[in-house]
């Protein structure tokens, strides 16, 4: 078993206060009762210290940062890619933003989200795309779906811009491309997840060199929970192998989980969106059964 620091209790109190503050200022979209129930899963001093470090390491993206990240795609990343691919000549960014808001006849690309994989759409991506349309940031005729792609005029529409929340291992996007290869074959594909793991980026670029992958935020192995790089100072003397082994035993004793204890691809991220939780994050945040209270929705 790992040895918890002597000052664990003050750190635990500090982190619980931080979490409650996030809830009170509406940064975390959960209730204080949900936080209290999740904290009640942790009983021993070692378990409580684990919960405190989880809170410390958590990366949370609510609606405002999600919107900001998508605006970054529209305003910065996308215009550059379109010009590099000779898909659309942009005389000025102001004109480009005006065009995608108010017209569609002369726009040679369409926006879509990842769907038809694991029976679900990318919840965050879909909500933001619909929000952009409702608010007039994108003309409604620029939005499409995989079922409508076959009806697009290939002589006019040259590219599909795919929105997504996160690309963790790249498996879902890989499956998406395989499932809809016939529908997408004639288009330049521009894939813009909000966040992507470097392993997934490398996988997709190697397997599908014709796909432009351009995330706003890139994660690497330093973001793994049991990597010491981003641990709090109080945990600097903890052996991470022991800490991980403690986590394994704790989860196996407290939950019914038998696999993916580190999340999909063993990436062990602590990354949460307010509308969904990536499956490559630790399940300790989102798992739920009759004996275990979740912190965030899956």
C-alpha atoms as a PDB file:
ATOM      1  CA  UNK A   1       0.000   0.000   0.000  1.00  0.00           C
ATOM      2  CA  UNK A   2       1.169   3.528  -0.695  1.00  0.00           C
ATOM      3  CA  UNK A   3       1.982   5.757   2.281  1.00  0.00           C
ATOM      4  CA  UNK A   4      -0.321   8.747   2.499  1.00  0.00           C
ATOM      5  CA  UNK A   5       1.287  12.080   3.504  1.00  0.00           C
ATOM      6  CA  UNK A   6       1.038  13.204   7.118  1.00  0.00           C
ATOM      7  CA  UNK A   7      -0.696  16.420   6.014  1.00  0.00           C
ATOM      8  CA  UNK A   8      -3.345  14.538   4.024  1.00  0.00           C
ATOM      9  CA  UNK A   9      -6.309  15.880   6.020  1.00  0.00           C
ATOM     10  CA  UNK A  10      -5.679  19.580   5.384  1.00  0.00           C
ATOM     11  CA  UNK A  11      -5.235  18.831   1.680  1.00  0.00           C
ATOM     12  CA  UNK A  12      -8.469  16.813   1.675  1.00  0.00           C
ATOM     13  CA  UNK A  13     -10.360  19.710   3.278  1.00  0.00           C
ATOM     14  CA  UNK A  14      -8.829  22.164   0.806  1.00  0.00           C
ATOM     15  CA  UNK A  15      -9.911  20.047  -2.169  1.00  0.00           C
ATOM     16  CA  UNK A  16     -13.462  19.490  -0.906  1.00  0.00           C
ATOM     17  CA  UNK A  17     -13.825  23.253  -0.418  1.00  0.00           C
ATOM     18  CA  UNK A  18     -12.489  23.779  -3.953  1.00  0.00           C
ATOM     19  CA  UNK A  19     -15.044  21.322  -5.356  1.00  0.00           C
ATOM     20  CA  UNK A  20     -17.920  22.978  -3.472  1.00  0.00           C
ATOM     21  CA  UNK A  21     -16.797  26.374  -4.740  1.00  0.00           C
ATOM     22  CA  UNK A  22     -16.821  25.095  -8.334  1.00  0.00           C
ATOM     23  CA  UNK A  23     -20.401  23.943  -7.774  1.00  0.00           C
ATOM     24  CA  UNK A  24     -21.503  27.182  -6.116  1.00  0.00           C
ATOM     25  CA  UNK A  25     -20.187  29.324  -8.979  1.00  0.00           C
ATOM     26  CA  UNK A  26     -21.849  26.950 -11.488  1.00  0.00           C
ATOM     27  CA  UNK A  27     -18.571  25.827 -12.993  1.00  0.00           C
ATOM     28  CA  UNK A  28     -19.301  22.190 -12.170  1.00  0.00           C
ATOM     29  CA  UNK A  29     -22.860  21.366 -13.256  1.00  0.00           C
ATOM     30  CA  UNK A  30     -23.635  19.051 -10.364  1.00  0.00           C
ATOM     31  CA  UNK A  31     -25.077  19.536  -6.880  1.00  0.00           C
ATOM     32  CA  UNK A  32     -23.314  19.600  -3.533  1.00  0.00           C
ATOM     33  CA  UNK A  33     -25.366  16.547  -2.587  1.00  0.00           C
ATOM     34  CA  UNK A  34     -23.886  14.636  -5.537  1.00  0.00           C
ATOM     35  CA  UNK A  35     -20.416  15.674  -4.422  1.00  0.00           C
ATOM     36  CA  UNK A  36     -21.100  14.561  -0.845  1.00  0.00           C
ATOM     37  CA  UNK A  37     -22.457  11.207  -2.005  1.00  0.00           C
ATOM     38  CA  UNK A  38     -19.400  10.608  -4.191  1.00  0.00           C
ATOM     39  CA  UNK A  39     -17.055  11.525  -1.339  1.00  0.00           C
ATOM     40  CA  UNK A  40     -18.900   9.052   0.884  1.00  0.00           C
ATOM     41  CA  UNK A  41     -17.522   6.257  -1.332  1.00  0.00           C
ATOM     42  CA  UNK A  42     -14.119   6.927   0.244  1.00  0.00           C
ATOM     43  CA  UNK A  43     -13.799   5.800   3.846  1.00  0.00           C
ATOM     44  CA  UNK A  44     -10.218   5.249   4.999  1.00  0.00           C
ATOM     45  CA  UNK A  45      -7.615   8.011   5.202  1.00  0.00           C
ATOM     46  CA  UNK A  46      -5.819   6.581   2.173  1.00  0.00           C
ATOM     47  CA  UNK A  47      -9.058   6.483   0.206  1.00  0.00           C
ATOM     48  CA  UNK A  48      -9.939  10.053   1.138  1.00  0.00           C
ATOM     49  CA  UNK A  49      -6.523  11.275   0.066  1.00  0.00           C
ATOM     50  CA  UNK A  50      -7.069   9.534  -3.271  1.00  0.00           C
ATOM     51  CA  UNK A  51     -10.357  11.421  -3.704  1.00  0.00           C
ATOM     52  CA  UNK A  52      -8.601  14.716  -2.936  1.00  0.00           C
ATOM     53  CA  UNK A  53      -5.926  14.089  -5.571  1.00  0.00           C
ATOM     54  CA  UNK A  54      -8.634  13.186  -8.091  1.00  0.00           C
ATOM     55  CA  UNK A  55     -10.287  16.560  -7.495  1.00  0.00           C
ATOM     56  CA  UNK A  56      -6.936  18.323  -7.771  1.00  0.00           C
ATOM     57  CA  UNK A  57      -6.135  16.668 -11.103  1.00  0.00           C
ATOM     58  CA  UNK A  58      -9.594  16.985 -12.666  1.00  0.00           C
ATOM     59  CA  UNK A  59      -9.950  18.908 -15.936  1.00  0.00           C
ATOM     60  CA  UNK A  60     -13.551  20.065 -16.407  1.00  0.00           C
ATOM     61  CA  UNK A  61     -15.032  21.759 -19.464  1.00  0.00           C
ATOM     62  CA  UNK A  62     -18.484  23.281 -19.112  1.00  0.00           C
ATOM     63  CA  UNK A  63     -20.486  25.035 -21.832  1.00  0.00           C
ATOM     64  CA  UNK A  64     -18.471  28.251 -21.931  1.00  0.00           C
ATOM     65  CA  UNK A  65     -15.037  26.707 -22.530  1.00  0.00           C
ATOM     66  CA  UNK A  66     -16.607  24.278 -25.004  1.00  0.00           C
ATOM     67  CA  UNK A  67     -18.087  27.183 -26.942  1.00  0.00           C
ATOM     68  CA  UNK A  68     -14.780  29.034 -26.825  1.00  0.00           C
ATOM     69  CA  UNK A  69     -12.961  25.997 -28.180  1.00  0.00           C
ATOM     70  CA  UNK A  70     -15.411  25.606 -31.054  1.00  0.00           C
ATOM     71  CA  UNK A  71     -15.118  29.306 -31.841  1.00  0.00           C
ATOM     72  CA  UNK A  72     -11.358  28.764 -32.017  1.00  0.00           C
ATOM     73  CA  UNK A  73     -11.960  26.072 -34.631  1.00  0.00           C
ATOM     74  CA  UNK A  74     -14.233  28.291 -36.697  1.00  0.00           C
ATOM     75  CA  UNK A  75     -12.226  31.476 -36.378  1.00  0.00           C
ATOM     76  CA  UNK A  76      -8.623  30.229 -36.400  1.00  0.00           C
ATOM     77  CA  UNK A  77      -8.072  26.590 -37.328  1.00  0.00           C
ATOM     78  CA  UNK A  78     -10.624  26.060 -40.073  1.00  0.00           C
ATOM     79  CA  UNK A  79      -9.784  29.073 -42.291  1.00  0.00           C
ATOM     80  CA  UNK A  80      -6.126  28.041 -42.299  1.00  0.00           C
ATOM     81  CA  UNK A  81      -6.888  24.424 -43.251  1.00  0.00           C
ATOM     82  CA  UNK A  82      -9.327  25.439 -45.993  1.00  0.00           C
ATOM     83  CA  UNK A  83      -6.707  27.625 -47.623  1.00  0.00           C
ATOM     84  CA  UNK A  84      -3.953  25.031 -47.248  1.00  0.00           C
ATOM     85  CA  UNK A  85      -6.184  22.451 -48.934  1.00  0.00           C
ATOM     86  CA  UNK A  86      -7.203  24.937 -51.666  1.00  0.00           C
ATOM     87  CA  UNK A  87     -10.823  24.306 -50.790  1.00  0.00           C
ATOM     88  CA  UNK A  88     -11.859  27.904 -50.163  1.00  0.00           C
ATOM     89  CA  UNK A  89     -10.087  31.181 -50.796  1.00  0.00           C
ATOM     90  CA  UNK A  90     -10.523  33.531 -47.854  1.00  0.00           C
ATOM     91  CA  UNK A  91     -10.034  37.191 -48.638  1.00  0.00           C
ATOM     92  CA  UNK A  92     -10.572  38.212 -45.013  1.00  0.00           C
ATOM     93  CA  UNK A  93     -11.662  36.512 -41.816  1.00  0.00           C
ATOM     94  CA  UNK A  94     -14.508  38.990 -41.404  1.00  0.00           C
ATOM     95  CA  UNK A  95     -15.837  38.078 -44.828  1.00  0.00           C
ATOM     96  CA  UNK A  96     -15.430  34.370 -44.106  1.00  0.00           C
ATOM     97  CA  UNK A  97     -17.421  34.617 -40.866  1.00  0.00           C
ATOM     98  CA  UNK A  98     -20.063  36.710 -42.620  1.00  0.00           C
ATOM     99  CA  UNK A  99     -20.369  34.128 -45.400  1.00  0.00           C
ATOM    100  CA  UNK A 100     -20.846  31.088 -43.175  1.00  0.00           C
ATOM    101  CA  UNK A 101     -23.425  32.979 -41.125  1.00  0.00           C
ATOM    102  CA  UNK A 102     -25.530  34.379 -43.944  1.00  0.00           C
ATOM    103  CA  UNK A 103     -25.148  32.186 -47.011  1.00  0.00           C
ATOM    104  CA  UNK A 104     -24.427  28.657 -48.142  1.00  0.00           C
ATOM    105  CA  UNK A 105     -24.645  28.608 -51.953  1.00  0.00           C
ATOM    106  CA  UNK A 106     -20.990  29.494 -52.451  1.00  0.00           C
ATOM    107  CA  UNK A 107     -19.623  27.566 -49.447  1.00  0.00           C
ATOM    108  CA  UNK A 108     -17.866  24.347 -50.587  1.00  0.00           C
ATOM    109  CA  UNK A 109     -17.968  22.544 -47.240  1.00  0.00           C
ATOM    110  CA  UNK A 110     -20.490  21.291 -44.709  1.00  0.00           C
ATOM    111  CA  UNK A 111     -20.402  20.736 -40.946  1.00  0.00           C
ATOM    112  CA  UNK A 112     -21.274  17.421 -39.297  1.00  0.00           C
ATOM    113  CA  UNK A 113     -20.648  15.528 -36.060  1.00  0.00           C
ATOM    114  CA  UNK A 114     -19.424  12.009 -35.400  1.00  0.00           C
ATOM    115  CA  UNK A 115     -22.463   9.724 -35.261  1.00  0.00           C
ATOM    116  CA  UNK A 116     -23.455   6.153 -35.880  1.00  0.00           C
ATOM    117  CA  UNK A 117     -20.668   4.805 -33.648  1.00  0.00           C
ATOM    118  CA  UNK A 118     -21.584   2.740 -30.578  1.00  0.00           C
ATOM    119  CA  UNK A 119     -25.185   3.770 -31.162  1.00  0.00           C
ATOM    120  CA  UNK A 120     -24.629   7.381 -30.159  1.00  0.00           C
ATOM    121  CA  UNK A 121     -23.655  10.735 -31.542  1.00  0.00           C
ATOM    122  CA  UNK A 122     -20.923  12.893 -30.096  1.00  0.00           C
ATOM    123  CA  UNK A 123     -23.130  14.610 -27.540  1.00  0.00           C
ATOM    124  CA  UNK A 124     -20.936  17.654 -26.979  1.00  0.00           C
ATOM    125  CA  UNK A 125     -20.213  18.137 -30.675  1.00  0.00           C
ATOM    126  CA  UNK A 126     -23.864  17.788 -31.646  1.00  0.00           C
ATOM    127  CA  UNK A 127     -25.049  20.255 -29.008  1.00  0.00           C
ATOM    128  CA  UNK A 128     -22.489  22.872 -29.999  1.00  0.00           C
ATOM    129  CA  UNK A 129     -23.217  22.530 -33.718  1.00  0.00           C
ATOM    130  CA  UNK A 130     -26.939  22.927 -33.060  1.00  0.00           C
ATOM    131  CA  UNK A 131     -26.183  25.904 -30.802  1.00  0.00           C
ATOM    132  CA  UNK A 132     -24.099  27.548 -33.549  1.00  0.00           C
ATOM    133  CA  UNK A 133     -26.989  27.107 -35.969  1.00  0.00           C
ATOM    134  CA  UNK A 134     -29.603  28.435 -33.528  1.00  0.00           C
ATOM    135  CA  UNK A 135     -27.513  31.484 -32.683  1.00  0.00           C
ATOM    136  CA  UNK A 136     -26.806  32.227 -36.321  1.00  0.00           C
ATOM    137  CA  UNK A 137     -23.055  31.570 -36.131  1.00  0.00           C
ATOM    138  CA  UNK A 138     -23.456  29.027 -38.938  1.00  0.00           C
ATOM    139  CA  UNK A 139     -26.113  29.076 -41.650  1.00  0.00           C
ATOM    140  CA  UNK A 140     -28.529  26.215 -41.018  1.00  0.00           C
ATOM    141  CA  UNK A 141     -27.996  24.807 -44.524  1.00  0.00           C
ATOM    142  CA  UNK A 142     -24.307  24.275 -43.747  1.00  0.00           C
ATOM    143  CA  UNK A 143     -25.192  21.601 -41.204  1.00  0.00           C
ATOM    144  CA  UNK A 144     -25.528  18.048 -42.457  1.00  0.00           C
ATOM    145  CA  UNK A 145     -25.581  14.475 -41.160  1.00  0.00           C
ATOM    146  CA  UNK A 146     -24.095  11.262 -42.437  1.00  0.00           C
ATOM    147  CA  UNK A 147     -27.519  10.193 -43.713  1.00  0.00           C
ATOM    148  CA  UNK A 148     -27.735  13.341 -45.857  1.00  0.00           C
ATOM    149  CA  UNK A 149     -24.174  13.343 -47.180  1.00  0.00           C
ATOM    150  CA  UNK A 150     -25.200  11.162 -50.120  1.00  0.00           C
ATOM    151  CA  UNK A 151     -27.517  13.957 -51.297  1.00  0.00           C
ATOM    152  CA  UNK A 152     -24.797  16.634 -51.417  1.00  0.00           C
ATOM    153  CA  UNK A 153     -23.681  17.921 -54.790  1.00  0.00           C
ATOM    154  CA  UNK A 154     -20.135  16.608 -55.194  1.00  0.00           C
ATOM    155  CA  UNK A 155     -19.423  19.211 -57.858  1.00  0.00           C
ATOM    156  CA  UNK A 156     -20.000  21.956 -55.321  1.00  0.00           C
ATOM    157  CA  UNK A 157     -19.340  20.556 -51.819  1.00  0.00           C
ATOM    158  CA  UNK A 158     -15.713  19.492 -51.554  1.00  0.00           C
ATOM    159  CA  UNK A 159     -15.152  18.981 -47.821  1.00  0.00           C
ATOM    160  CA  UNK A 160     -16.863  17.763 -44.654  1.00  0.00           C
ATOM    161  CA  UNK A 161     -15.820  19.411 -41.381  1.00  0.00           C
ATOM    162  CA  UNK A 162     -16.394  16.952 -38.535  1.00  0.00           C
ATOM    163  CA  UNK A 163     -16.954  18.255 -35.010  1.00  0.00           C
ATOM    164  CA  UNK A 164     -16.275  16.047 -31.978  1.00  0.00           C
ATOM    165  CA  UNK A 165     -15.698  16.460 -28.264  1.00  0.00           C
ATOM    166  CA  UNK A 166     -12.644  14.279 -27.693  1.00  0.00           C
ATOM    167  CA  UNK A 167     -10.553  11.749 -29.600  1.00  0.00           C
ATOM    168  CA  UNK A 168      -8.982   9.467 -27.018  1.00  0.00           C
ATOM    169  CA  UNK A 169      -7.710   6.305 -28.652  1.00  0.00           C
ATOM    170  CA  UNK A 170      -8.953   7.088 -32.172  1.00  0.00           C
ATOM    171  CA  UNK A 171     -10.970   3.849 -32.298  1.00  0.00           C
ATOM    172  CA  UNK A 172     -14.367   5.534 -32.582  1.00  0.00           C
ATOM    173  CA  UNK A 173     -13.239   7.811 -35.394  1.00  0.00           C
ATOM    174  CA  UNK A 174     -11.591   4.832 -37.073  1.00  0.00           C
ATOM    175  CA  UNK A 175     -14.896   2.932 -36.871  1.00  0.00           C
ATOM    176  CA  UNK A 176     -16.785   5.967 -38.175  1.00  0.00           C
ATOM    177  CA  UNK A 177     -14.564   6.174 -41.253  1.00  0.00           C
ATOM    178  CA  UNK A 178     -14.907   2.451 -41.897  1.00  0.00           C
ATOM    179  CA  UNK A 179     -18.699   2.490 -41.447  1.00  0.00           C
ATOM    180  CA  UNK A 180     -19.227   5.405 -43.805  1.00  0.00           C
ATOM    181  CA  UNK A 181     -16.372   5.048 -46.240  1.00  0.00           C
ATOM    182  CA  UNK A 182     -18.709   5.005 -49.251  1.00  0.00           C
ATOM    183  CA  UNK A 183     -20.566   8.140 -48.191  1.00  0.00           C
ATOM    184  CA  UNK A 184     -17.392  10.111 -47.393  1.00  0.00           C
ATOM    185  CA  UNK A 185     -15.110   8.834 -50.111  1.00  0.00           C
ATOM    186  CA  UNK A 186     -15.409  11.832 -52.447  1.00  0.00           C
ATOM    187  CA  UNK A 187     -14.855  14.508 -49.819  1.00  0.00           C
ATOM    188  CA  UNK A 188     -11.862  16.083 -48.140  1.00  0.00           C
ATOM    189  CA  UNK A 189     -12.292  15.304 -44.439  1.00  0.00           C
ATOM    190  CA  UNK A 190     -11.355  17.879 -41.822  1.00  0.00           C
ATOM    191  CA  UNK A 191     -11.659  16.427 -38.335  1.00  0.00           C
ATOM    192  CA  UNK A 192     -11.764  18.981 -35.510  1.00  0.00           C
ATOM    193  CA  UNK A 193     -12.180  17.445 -32.060  1.00  0.00           C
ATOM    194  CA  UNK A 194     -12.020  19.842 -29.144  1.00  0.00           C
ATOM    195  CA  UNK A 195      -9.432  17.655 -27.471  1.00  0.00           C
ATOM    196  CA  UNK A 196      -7.311  14.785 -28.738  1.00  0.00           C
ATOM    197  CA  UNK A 197      -4.725  12.471 -27.280  1.00  0.00           C
ATOM    198  CA  UNK A 198      -1.427  12.483 -29.142  1.00  0.00           C
ATOM    199  CA  UNK A 199      -1.569   8.682 -29.525  1.00  0.00           C
ATOM    200  CA  UNK A 200      -4.894   8.957 -31.353  1.00  0.00           C
ATOM    201  CA  UNK A 201      -3.649  11.791 -33.568  1.00  0.00           C
ATOM    202  CA  UNK A 202      -0.630   9.754 -34.627  1.00  0.00           C
ATOM    203  CA  UNK A 203      -2.800   6.675 -35.237  1.00  0.00           C
ATOM    204  CA  UNK A 204      -5.259   8.509 -37.491  1.00  0.00           C
ATOM    205  CA  UNK A 205      -2.580  10.440 -39.377  1.00  0.00           C
ATOM    206  CA  UNK A 206      -0.706   7.225 -40.102  1.00  0.00           C
ATOM    207  CA  UNK A 207      -3.753   5.205 -41.130  1.00  0.00           C
ATOM    208  CA  UNK A 208      -5.643   8.007 -42.902  1.00  0.00           C
ATOM    209  CA  UNK A 209      -3.081  10.510 -44.216  1.00  0.00           C
ATOM    210  CA  UNK A 210      -5.787  12.169 -46.344  1.00  0.00           C
ATOM    211  CA  UNK A 211      -7.676  13.274 -43.191  1.00  0.00           C
ATOM    212  CA  UNK A 212      -6.747  16.623 -41.664  1.00  0.00           C
ATOM    213  CA  UNK A 213      -6.822  16.265 -37.864  1.00  0.00           C
ATOM    214  CA  UNK A 214      -6.814  19.605 -36.069  1.00  0.00           C
ATOM    215  CA  UNK A 215      -7.775  19.600 -32.357  1.00  0.00           C
ATOM    216  CA  UNK A 216      -7.850  22.687 -30.163  1.00  0.00           C
ATOM    217  CA  UNK A 217      -6.214  20.930 -27.207  1.00  0.00           C
ATOM    218  CA  UNK A 218      -3.696  18.086 -27.329  1.00  0.00           C
ATOM    219  CA  UNK A 219      -3.141  15.699 -24.420  1.00  0.00           C
ATOM    220  CA  UNK A 220      -0.185  13.370 -23.979  1.00  0.00           C
ATOM    221  CA  UNK A 221       0.891  10.754 -21.455  1.00  0.00           C
ATOM    222  CA  UNK A 222       1.798  13.443 -18.922  1.00  0.00           C
ATOM    223  CA  UNK A 223      -1.947  13.908 -18.373  1.00  0.00           C
ATOM    224  CA  UNK A 224      -2.355  10.319 -17.183  1.00  0.00           C
ATOM    225  CA  UNK A 225      -3.453  10.320 -13.561  1.00  0.00           C
ATOM    226  CA  UNK A 226      -0.600   8.151 -12.335  1.00  0.00           C
ATOM    227  CA  UNK A 227       2.053  10.223 -14.055  1.00  0.00           C
ATOM    228  CA  UNK A 228       3.833  12.375 -11.479  1.00  0.00           C
ATOM    229  CA  UNK A 229       4.237  15.435 -13.708  1.00  0.00           C
ATOM    230  CA  UNK A 230       0.991  17.124 -12.643  1.00  0.00           C
ATOM    231  CA  UNK A 231       0.629  15.683  -9.153  1.00  0.00           C
ATOM    232  CA  UNK A 232       0.274  18.113  -6.231  1.00  0.00           C
ATOM    233  CA  UNK A 233       3.412  18.829  -4.231  1.00  0.00           C
ATOM    234  CA  UNK A 234       2.003  16.936  -1.261  1.00  0.00           C
ATOM    235  CA  UNK A 235       2.171  13.736  -3.331  1.00  0.00           C
ATOM    236  CA  UNK A 236       5.766  14.168  -4.487  1.00  0.00           C
ATOM    237  CA  UNK A 237       7.108  11.333  -2.326  1.00  0.00           C
ATOM    238  CA  UNK A 238       4.394   8.821  -3.192  1.00  0.00           C
ATOM    239  CA  UNK A 239       5.423   5.863  -5.308  1.00  0.00           C
ATOM    240  CA  UNK A 240       3.098   5.952  -8.310  1.00  0.00           C
ATOM    241  CA  UNK A 241       3.184   2.200  -8.841  1.00  0.00           C
ATOM    242  CA  UNK A 242       1.970   1.702  -5.271  1.00  0.00           C
ATOM    243  CA  UNK A 243      -0.632   4.438  -5.711  1.00  0.00           C
ATOM    244  CA  UNK A 244      -1.949   2.771  -8.876  1.00  0.00           C
ATOM    245  CA  UNK A 245      -2.039  -0.636  -7.211  1.00  0.00           C
ATOM    246  CA  UNK A 246      -4.041   0.872  -4.347  1.00  0.00           C
ATOM    247  CA  UNK A 247      -6.480   2.337  -6.876  1.00  0.00           C
ATOM    248  CA  UNK A 248      -6.898  -1.064  -8.560  1.00  0.00           C
ATOM    249  CA  UNK A 249      -7.644  -2.843  -5.291  1.00  0.00           C
ATOM    250  CA  UNK A 250      -9.972  -0.060  -4.169  1.00  0.00           C
ATOM    251  CA  UNK A 251     -12.034  -0.130  -7.386  1.00  0.00           C
ATOM    252  CA  UNK A 252     -12.228  -3.921  -7.455  1.00  0.00           C
ATOM    253  CA  UNK A 253     -13.391  -3.984  -3.832  1.00  0.00           C
ATOM    254  CA  UNK A 254     -15.892  -1.135  -4.138  1.00  0.00           C
ATOM    255  CA  UNK A 255     -17.345  -1.626  -7.647  1.00  0.00           C
ATOM    256  CA  UNK A 256     -18.326  -4.364 -10.074  1.00  0.00           C
ATOM    257  CA  UNK A 257     -15.833  -3.198 -12.674  1.00  0.00           C
ATOM    258  CA  UNK A 258     -13.542  -5.926 -13.954  1.00  0.00           C
ATOM    259  CA  UNK A 259     -11.895  -4.170 -16.909  1.00  0.00           C
ATOM    260  CA  UNK A 260     -10.997  -0.719 -18.215  1.00  0.00           C
ATOM    261  CA  UNK A 261     -10.200   0.419 -14.677  1.00  0.00           C
ATOM    262  CA  UNK A 262      -7.876   3.019 -16.226  1.00  0.00           C
ATOM    263  CA  UNK A 263     -10.377   4.011 -18.896  1.00  0.00           C
ATOM    264  CA  UNK A 264     -10.301   3.185 -22.592  1.00  0.00           C
ATOM    265  CA  UNK A 265      -6.795   2.573 -23.854  1.00  0.00           C
ATOM    266  CA  UNK A 266      -5.482   2.709 -20.263  1.00  0.00           C
ATOM    267  CA  UNK A 267      -5.054   6.470 -20.719  1.00  0.00           C
ATOM    268  CA  UNK A 268      -6.279   7.187 -17.148  1.00  0.00           C
ATOM    269  CA  UNK A 269      -7.328  10.751 -17.908  1.00  0.00           C
ATOM    270  CA  UNK A 270      -9.223  13.009 -15.534  1.00  0.00           C
ATOM    271  CA  UNK A 271     -11.059  14.911 -18.269  1.00  0.00           C
ATOM    272  CA  UNK A 272     -14.774  15.688 -18.077  1.00  0.00           C
ATOM    273  CA  UNK A 273     -17.263  17.604 -20.221  1.00  0.00           C
ATOM    274  CA  UNK A 274     -20.406  18.884 -18.546  1.00  0.00           C
ATOM    275  CA  UNK A 275     -22.599  16.998 -21.032  1.00  0.00           C
ATOM    276  CA  UNK A 276     -20.595  13.787 -21.228  1.00  0.00           C
ATOM    277  CA  UNK A 277     -17.566  12.003 -19.842  1.00  0.00           C
ATOM    278  CA  UNK A 278     -14.979  10.501 -22.210  1.00  0.00           C
ATOM    279  CA  UNK A 279     -14.511   6.758 -21.774  1.00  0.00           C
ATOM    280  CA  UNK A 280     -10.732   7.166 -21.628  1.00  0.00           C
ATOM    281  CA  UNK A 281     -11.084   8.968 -18.287  1.00  0.00           C
ATOM    282  CA  UNK A 282     -10.946   7.047 -15.013  1.00  0.00           C
ATOM    283  CA  UNK A 283     -14.329   5.391 -14.342  1.00  0.00           C
ATOM    284  CA  UNK A 284     -14.038   6.297 -10.658  1.00  0.00           C
ATOM    285  CA  UNK A 285     -15.672   9.619 -11.591  1.00  0.00           C
ATOM    286  CA  UNK A 286     -18.644   8.273 -13.557  1.00  0.00           C
ATOM    287  CA  UNK A 287     -19.292   4.670 -12.510  1.00  0.00           C
ATOM    288  CA  UNK A 288     -22.554   4.022 -10.659  1.00  0.00           C
ATOM    289  CA  UNK A 289     -24.276   1.067  -9.033  1.00  0.00           C
ATOM    290  CA  UNK A 290     -26.355   0.419  -5.919  1.00  0.00           C
ATOM    291  CA  UNK A 291     -23.246   0.718  -3.727  1.00  0.00           C
ATOM    292  CA  UNK A 292     -21.313   3.422  -5.567  1.00  0.00           C
ATOM    293  CA  UNK A 293     -22.275   7.038  -6.169  1.00  0.00           C
ATOM    294  CA  UNK A 294     -21.036   8.733  -9.330  1.00  0.00           C
ATOM    295  CA  UNK A 295     -19.688  12.275  -9.440  1.00  0.00           C
ATOM    296  CA  UNK A 296     -20.399  13.106 -13.099  1.00  0.00           C
ATOM    297  CA  UNK A 297     -22.714  11.646 -15.749  1.00  0.00           C
ATOM    298  CA  UNK A 298     -21.261   9.231 -18.246  1.00  0.00           C
END
